[in-house]
Amino acid sequence: MKIQLASNENATRLAKRMMFLAYEACGGPMGMGFLQARSNVTEEQVWNNVVNNGDYPGGPVNRGGRIYGDYVFGRMMKFGVEIVDNTVSFRTDDLRPDYHAFSGTYRNGEKLAKAALSSLNLTVEAVITP
């Protein structure tokens, strides 16, 4: 699914908020993730961790607008978005609770995006589905 917004700045704001809401919904670190766990983490810190592969330097490389949060401060997210111009793309299939720790709160990317849009009070220009 692609969500088109009024500007690239708004698209980045949406992607950041989606990652932050997913992080918060994970509940806590998984397994050895307790070694990277931090308390009182801000949205900006989550974003920087995701963009820079903070917990998992050997993980997927974030470039060309593709952003993937594998493990973030010890929480298993395994969720990505792509920002191209003023659109944010993401998967909409149902997520797996054993693989996406936040899926108990947000069953799929669409529900996560709706929550992020609502919290930011952003207006969607268009929704593009495959």
N, C-alpha and C. Protein backbone atom coordinates (compact mmCIF):
# COMPACT_ATOMS: atom_id res chain seq x y z
N MET A 1 0.85 -1.17 0.00
CA MET A 1 0.00 0.00 0.00
C MET A 1 0.90 1.24 0.00
N LYS A 2 0.46 2.26 -0.70
CA LYS A 2 1.17 3.53 -0.73
C LYS A 2 0.23 4.62 -0.24
N ILE A 3 0.75 5.47 0.61
CA ILE A 3 -0.01 6.63 1.08
C ILE A 3 0.71 7.87 0.59
N GLN A 4 0.00 8.66 -0.18
CA GLN A 4 0.57 9.91 -0.71
C GLN A 4 0.17 11.05 0.20
N LEU A 5 1.16 11.85 0.55
CA LEU A 5 0.94 13.01 1.42
C LEU A 5 1.30 14.29 0.67
N ALA A 6 1.09 15.42 1.31
CA ALA A 6 1.30 16.70 0.64
C ALA A 6 2.77 17.01 0.38
N SER A 7 3.68 16.42 1.17
CA SER A 7 5.10 16.74 1.01
C SER A 7 5.96 15.56 1.45
N ASN A 8 7.22 15.59 1.04
CA ASN A 8 8.17 14.58 1.47
C ASN A 8 8.40 14.67 2.98
N GLU A 9 8.35 15.89 3.50
CA GLU A 9 8.51 16.08 4.96
C GLU A 9 7.41 15.34 5.71
N ASN A 10 6.18 15.43 5.23
CA ASN A 10 5.07 14.72 5.87
C ASN A 10 5.22 13.21 5.72
N ALA A 11 5.74 12.77 4.58
CA ALA A 11 5.97 11.34 4.38
C ALA A 11 6.99 10.83 5.39
N THR A 12 8.05 11.58 5.61
CA THR A 12 9.06 11.20 6.59
C THR A 12 8.47 11.22 8.00
N ARG A 13 7.68 12.22 8.30
CA ARG A 13 7.02 12.27 9.62
C ARG A 13 6.15 11.04 9.84
N LEU A 14 5.41 10.62 8.80
CA LEU A 14 4.55 9.45 8.92
C LEU A 14 5.40 8.20 9.15
N ALA A 15 6.46 8.02 8.39
CA ALA A 15 7.32 6.85 8.54
C ALA A 15 7.93 6.80 9.94
N LYS A 16 8.40 7.93 10.42
CA LYS A 16 8.97 8.00 11.78
C LYS A 16 7.94 7.59 12.83
N ARG A 17 6.75 8.12 12.70
CA ARG A 17 5.71 7.82 13.69
C ARG A 17 5.30 6.35 13.62
N MET A 18 5.23 5.81 12.42
CA MET A 18 4.91 4.39 12.29
C MET A 18 5.94 3.54 13.03
N MET A 19 7.21 3.84 12.84
CA MET A 19 8.26 3.08 13.52
C MET A 19 8.18 3.25 15.04
N PHE A 20 7.88 4.45 15.47
CA PHE A 20 7.80 4.70 16.91
C PHE A 20 6.60 3.98 17.53
N LEU A 21 5.45 4.05 16.89
CA LEU A 21 4.28 3.35 17.42
C LEU A 21 4.50 1.84 17.43
N ALA A 22 5.13 1.32 16.40
CA ALA A 22 5.45 -0.11 16.37
C ALA A 22 6.39 -0.46 17.52
N TYR A 23 7.42 0.36 17.71
CA TYR A 23 8.37 0.14 18.80
C TYR A 23 7.65 0.11 20.15
N GLU A 24 6.82 1.10 20.39
CA GLU A 24 6.10 1.17 21.66
C GLU A 24 5.18 -0.03 21.86
N ALA A 25 4.55 -0.49 20.79
CA ALA A 25 3.60 -1.60 20.88
C ALA A 25 4.29 -2.95 21.08
N CYS A 26 5.60 -3.01 20.87
CA CYS A 26 6.32 -4.28 21.06
C CYS A 26 6.29 -4.73 22.51
N GLY A 27 6.18 -3.80 23.42
CA GLY A 27 6.10 -4.16 24.83
C GLY A 27 7.43 -4.23 25.54
N GLY A 28 8.39 -4.93 25.00
CA GLY A 28 9.68 -5.07 25.66
C GLY A 28 10.65 -5.84 24.78
N PRO A 29 11.88 -5.96 25.24
CA PRO A 29 12.89 -6.64 24.45
C PRO A 29 12.64 -8.14 24.36
N MET A 30 13.19 -8.76 23.33
CA MET A 30 13.07 -10.20 23.10
C MET A 30 14.44 -10.84 23.31
N GLY A 31 14.48 -11.95 24.01
CA GLY A 31 15.70 -12.72 24.19
C GLY A 31 16.87 -11.88 24.66
N MET A 32 17.96 -11.99 23.93
CA MET A 32 19.18 -11.23 24.29
C MET A 32 19.02 -9.74 24.02
N GLY A 33 17.88 -9.34 23.50
CA GLY A 33 17.62 -7.92 23.28
C GLY A 33 17.69 -7.09 24.55
N PHE A 34 17.61 -7.75 25.70
CA PHE A 34 17.70 -7.00 26.96
C PHE A 34 19.02 -6.25 27.05
N LEU A 35 20.03 -6.69 26.30
CA LEU A 35 21.33 -6.01 26.32
C LEU A 35 21.27 -4.65 25.62
N GLN A 36 20.32 -4.48 24.68
CA GLN A 36 20.18 -3.19 23.98
C GLN A 36 19.02 -2.36 24.51
N ALA A 37 18.25 -2.93 25.42
CA ALA A 37 17.05 -2.24 25.91
C ALA A 37 17.40 -0.92 26.58
N ARG A 38 16.53 0.06 26.36
CA ARG A 38 16.66 1.38 26.99
C ARG A 38 15.28 1.82 27.42
N SER A 39 15.24 2.66 28.41
CA SER A 39 13.94 3.18 28.85
C SER A 39 13.80 4.63 28.39
N ASN A 40 12.56 5.07 28.33
CA ASN A 40 12.22 6.45 27.96
C ASN A 40 12.84 6.87 26.62
N VAL A 41 12.67 6.03 25.62
CA VAL A 41 13.22 6.29 24.30
C VAL A 41 12.27 7.22 23.54
N THR A 42 12.84 8.20 22.85
CA THR A 42 12.04 9.15 22.08
C THR A 42 11.83 8.66 20.65
N GLU A 43 10.91 9.29 19.96
CA GLU A 43 10.66 8.97 18.56
C GLU A 43 11.90 9.17 17.71
N GLU A 44 12.64 10.23 17.97
CA GLU A 44 13.85 10.51 17.21
C GLU A 44 14.92 9.45 17.46
N GLN A 45 15.03 8.97 18.69
CA GLN A 45 16.01 7.92 19.00
C GLN A 45 15.64 6.61 18.30
N VAL A 46 14.35 6.28 18.28
CA VAL A 46 13.91 5.09 17.57
C VAL A 46 14.25 5.23 16.09
N TRP A 47 13.93 6.37 15.50
CA TRP A 47 14.20 6.59 14.08
C TRP A 47 15.69 6.45 13.78
N ASN A 48 16.53 7.07 14.59
CA ASN A 48 17.98 6.98 14.37
C ASN A 48 18.46 5.54 14.49
N ASN A 49 17.91 4.79 15.44
CA ASN A 49 18.29 3.38 15.59
C ASN A 49 17.89 2.59 14.35
N VAL A 50 16.68 2.84 13.85
CA VAL A 50 16.20 2.13 12.66
C VAL A 50 17.07 2.48 11.45
N VAL A 51 17.25 3.75 11.20
CA VAL A 51 17.99 4.21 10.02
C VAL A 51 19.44 3.74 10.04
N ASN A 52 20.04 3.70 11.22
CA ASN A 52 21.45 3.34 11.34
C ASN A 52 21.70 1.88 11.74
N ASN A 53 20.64 1.05 11.72
CA ASN A 53 20.77 -0.35 12.13
C ASN A 53 21.48 -0.46 13.48
N GLY A 54 21.03 0.34 14.43
CA GLY A 54 21.69 0.44 15.73
C GLY A 54 21.86 -0.87 16.47
N ASP A 55 20.86 -1.72 16.49
CA ASP A 55 20.95 -2.98 17.22
C ASP A 55 21.51 -4.10 16.36
N TYR A 56 21.44 -3.95 15.07
CA TYR A 56 21.74 -5.07 14.19
C TYR A 56 22.53 -4.58 12.98
N PRO A 57 23.80 -4.20 13.22
CA PRO A 57 24.59 -3.61 12.13
C PRO A 57 24.73 -4.52 10.91
N GLY A 58 24.56 -5.82 11.07
CA GLY A 58 24.66 -6.72 9.94
C GLY A 58 23.36 -6.90 9.20
N GLY A 59 22.33 -6.19 9.62
CA GLY A 59 21.00 -6.33 9.03
C GLY A 59 20.87 -5.62 7.70
N PRO A 60 19.65 -5.55 7.20
CA PRO A 60 19.40 -4.90 5.91
C PRO A 60 19.90 -3.46 5.89
N VAL A 61 20.49 -3.08 4.78
CA VAL A 61 21.02 -1.73 4.63
C VAL A 61 19.88 -0.79 4.26
N ASN A 62 19.78 0.30 4.96
CA ASN A 62 18.75 1.30 4.70
C ASN A 62 19.31 2.33 3.72
N ARG A 63 18.74 2.34 2.53
CA ARG A 63 19.17 3.34 1.54
C ARG A 63 18.09 3.51 0.48
N GLY A 64 18.21 4.59 -0.24
CA GLY A 64 17.27 4.84 -1.32
C GLY A 64 15.83 4.97 -0.85
N GLY A 65 15.64 5.44 0.37
CA GLY A 65 14.29 5.61 0.89
C GLY A 65 13.73 4.38 1.56
N ARG A 66 14.43 3.25 1.48
CA ARG A 66 13.98 2.02 2.14
C ARG A 66 14.50 1.99 3.56
N ILE A 67 13.58 1.90 4.50
CA ILE A 67 13.90 1.91 5.92
C ILE A 67 13.33 0.65 6.55
N TYR A 68 14.18 -0.11 7.24
CA TYR A 68 13.73 -1.37 7.84
C TYR A 68 14.18 -1.44 9.29
N GLY A 69 13.21 -1.61 10.17
CA GLY A 69 13.50 -1.78 11.59
C GLY A 69 13.51 -3.26 11.94
N ASP A 70 14.69 -3.82 12.10
CA ASP A 70 14.81 -5.24 12.44
C ASP A 70 14.64 -5.40 13.95
N TYR A 71 15.69 -5.17 14.68
CA TYR A 71 15.63 -5.10 16.15
C TYR A 71 15.92 -3.66 16.52
N VAL A 72 15.09 -3.09 17.37
CA VAL A 72 15.25 -1.69 17.76
C VAL A 72 15.25 -1.64 19.28
N PHE A 73 16.39 -1.27 19.83
CA PHE A 73 16.59 -1.27 21.29
C PHE A 73 16.08 -2.57 21.90
N GLY A 74 16.42 -3.66 21.23
CA GLY A 74 16.11 -5.00 21.73
C GLY A 74 14.71 -5.51 21.41
N ARG A 75 13.89 -4.70 20.77
CA ARG A 75 12.53 -5.12 20.44
C ARG A 75 12.46 -5.61 18.99
N MET A 76 11.83 -6.76 18.79
CA MET A 76 11.77 -7.36 17.46
C MET A 76 10.62 -6.75 16.66
N MET A 77 10.98 -5.91 15.68
CA MET A 77 9.97 -5.25 14.85
C MET A 77 9.86 -5.91 13.48
N LYS A 78 10.99 -6.04 12.78
CA LYS A 78 11.02 -6.64 11.45
C LYS A 78 9.94 -6.06 10.53
N PHE A 79 9.97 -4.74 10.42
CA PHE A 79 8.99 -4.03 9.61
C PHE A 79 9.69 -2.91 8.85
N GLY A 80 9.30 -2.71 7.61
CA GLY A 80 9.93 -1.68 6.82
C GLY A 80 8.94 -0.80 6.08
N VAL A 81 9.42 0.35 5.70
CA VAL A 81 8.66 1.29 4.88
C VAL A 81 9.61 1.79 3.78
N GLU A 82 9.01 2.36 2.76
CA GLU A 82 9.81 3.01 1.72
C GLU A 82 9.23 4.39 1.49
N ILE A 83 10.10 5.38 1.51
CA ILE A 83 9.70 6.76 1.28
C ILE A 83 10.23 7.17 -0.09
N VAL A 84 9.32 7.50 -0.99
CA VAL A 84 9.70 7.99 -2.32
C VAL A 84 8.88 9.24 -2.57
N ASP A 85 9.61 10.34 -2.76
CA ASP A 85 8.98 11.65 -2.91
C ASP A 85 8.03 11.88 -1.73
N ASN A 86 6.76 11.98 -1.99
CA ASN A 86 5.81 12.27 -0.90
C ASN A 86 4.92 11.07 -0.59
N THR A 87 5.41 9.86 -0.87
CA THR A 87 4.63 8.66 -0.56
C THR A 87 5.38 7.75 0.40
N VAL A 88 4.60 7.03 1.19
CA VAL A 88 5.14 6.01 2.09
C VAL A 88 4.50 4.68 1.67
N SER A 89 5.33 3.69 1.39
CA SER A 89 4.86 2.37 1.00
C SER A 89 5.17 1.39 2.12
N PHE A 90 4.29 0.39 2.30
CA PHE A 90 4.49 -0.61 3.33
C PHE A 90 3.62 -1.81 3.05
N ARG A 91 3.90 -2.91 3.72
CA ARG A 91 3.13 -4.14 3.53
C ARG A 91 1.80 -4.05 4.28
N THR A 92 0.79 -4.73 3.73
CA THR A 92 -0.53 -4.69 4.37
C THR A 92 -1.03 -6.07 4.78
N ASP A 93 -0.25 -7.11 4.49
CA ASP A 93 -0.69 -8.44 4.91
C ASP A 93 -0.63 -8.54 6.44
N ASP A 94 -1.37 -9.48 7.00
CA ASP A 94 -1.36 -9.65 8.45
C ASP A 94 0.03 -10.08 8.91
N LEU A 95 0.46 -9.47 10.00
CA LEU A 95 1.79 -9.73 10.54
C LEU A 95 1.74 -10.91 11.51
N ARG A 96 2.88 -11.51 11.75
CA ARG A 96 2.98 -12.68 12.62
C ARG A 96 3.41 -12.27 14.03
N PRO A 97 2.65 -12.64 15.05
CA PRO A 97 3.01 -12.26 16.43
C PRO A 97 4.36 -12.82 16.88
N ASP A 98 4.78 -13.94 16.31
CA ASP A 98 6.06 -14.51 16.71
C ASP A 98 7.24 -13.84 15.99
N TYR A 99 6.96 -12.97 15.07
CA TYR A 99 7.99 -12.33 14.27
C TYR A 99 7.93 -10.81 14.35
N HIS A 100 6.75 -10.27 14.54
CA HIS A 100 6.52 -8.82 14.63
C HIS A 100 5.90 -8.56 15.99
N ALA A 101 6.71 -8.20 16.97
CA ALA A 101 6.24 -8.09 18.36
C ALA A 101 5.11 -7.09 18.54
N PHE A 102 4.97 -6.16 17.63
CA PHE A 102 3.92 -5.13 17.76
C PHE A 102 2.59 -5.55 17.16
N SER A 103 2.53 -6.73 16.53
CA SER A 103 1.33 -7.11 15.78
C SER A 103 0.11 -7.41 16.66
N GLY A 104 0.32 -7.56 17.97
CA GLY A 104 -0.83 -7.71 18.86
C GLY A 104 -1.65 -6.42 18.93
N THR A 105 -1.00 -5.30 18.71
CA THR A 105 -1.67 -3.99 18.72
C THR A 105 -2.04 -3.56 17.31
N TYR A 106 -1.13 -3.73 16.37
CA TYR A 106 -1.35 -3.34 14.97
C TYR A 106 -1.21 -4.60 14.12
N ARG A 107 -2.31 -5.18 13.72
CA ARG A 107 -2.33 -6.45 13.00
C ARG A 107 -1.61 -6.38 11.65
N ASN A 108 -1.60 -5.19 11.04
CA ASN A 108 -0.95 -5.03 9.74
C ASN A 108 -0.49 -3.58 9.57
N GLY A 109 0.24 -3.33 8.49
CA GLY A 109 0.78 -2.00 8.24
C GLY A 109 -0.29 -0.94 8.07
N GLU A 110 -1.44 -1.32 7.53
CA GLU A 110 -2.52 -0.35 7.34
C GLU A 110 -3.03 0.18 8.68
N LYS A 111 -3.21 -0.70 9.65
CA LYS A 111 -3.66 -0.26 10.97
C LYS A 111 -2.61 0.61 11.65
N LEU A 112 -1.35 0.26 11.48
CA LEU A 112 -0.26 1.07 12.02
C LEU A 112 -0.24 2.44 11.37
N ALA A 113 -0.40 2.50 10.05
CA ALA A 113 -0.40 3.78 9.34
C ALA A 113 -1.58 4.66 9.77
N LYS A 114 -2.76 4.05 9.93
CA LYS A 114 -3.92 4.82 10.36
C LYS A 114 -3.70 5.43 11.73
N ALA A 115 -3.11 4.68 12.64
CA ALA A 115 -2.83 5.20 13.98
C ALA A 115 -1.82 6.34 13.92
N ALA A 116 -0.80 6.18 13.08
CA ALA A 116 0.22 7.22 12.94
C ALA A 116 -0.36 8.48 12.31
N LEU A 117 -1.16 8.32 11.26
CA LEU A 117 -1.80 9.47 10.62
C LEU A 117 -2.69 10.22 11.60
N SER A 118 -3.46 9.48 12.37
CA SER A 118 -4.36 10.10 13.34
C SER A 118 -3.58 10.86 14.41
N SER A 119 -2.50 10.27 14.90
CA SER A 119 -1.73 10.93 15.96
C SER A 119 -1.01 12.18 15.46
N LEU A 120 -0.71 12.23 14.17
CA LEU A 120 -0.05 13.39 13.59
C LEU A 120 -1.02 14.39 12.99
N ASN A 121 -2.29 13.98 12.86
CA ASN A 121 -3.31 14.81 12.24
C ASN A 121 -2.92 15.21 10.81
N LEU A 122 -2.39 14.22 10.06
CA LEU A 122 -2.00 14.47 8.68
C LEU A 122 -3.14 14.13 7.74
N THR A 123 -3.21 14.86 6.65
CA THR A 123 -4.21 14.63 5.62
C THR A 123 -3.59 13.80 4.50
N VAL A 124 -4.27 12.76 4.10
CA VAL A 124 -3.81 11.90 3.02
C VAL A 124 -4.29 12.48 1.70
N GLU A 125 -3.36 12.59 0.74
CA GLU A 125 -3.70 13.08 -0.59
C GLU A 125 -4.31 11.96 -1.42
N ALA A 126 -3.73 10.75 -1.29
CA ALA A 126 -4.23 9.59 -2.04
C ALA A 126 -3.73 8.30 -1.40
N VAL A 127 -4.51 7.25 -1.57
CA VAL A 127 -4.11 5.91 -1.14
C VAL A 127 -4.05 5.05 -2.40
N ILE A 128 -2.90 4.42 -2.60
CA ILE A 128 -2.68 3.60 -3.78
C ILE A 128 -2.49 2.17 -3.32
N THR A 129 -3.35 1.28 -3.80
CA THR A 129 -3.22 -0.13 -3.45
C THR A 129 -2.82 -0.89 -4.71
N PRO A 130 -2.05 -1.96 -4.52
CA PRO A 130 -1.58 -2.71 -5.69
C PRO A 130 -2.70 -3.39 -6.43
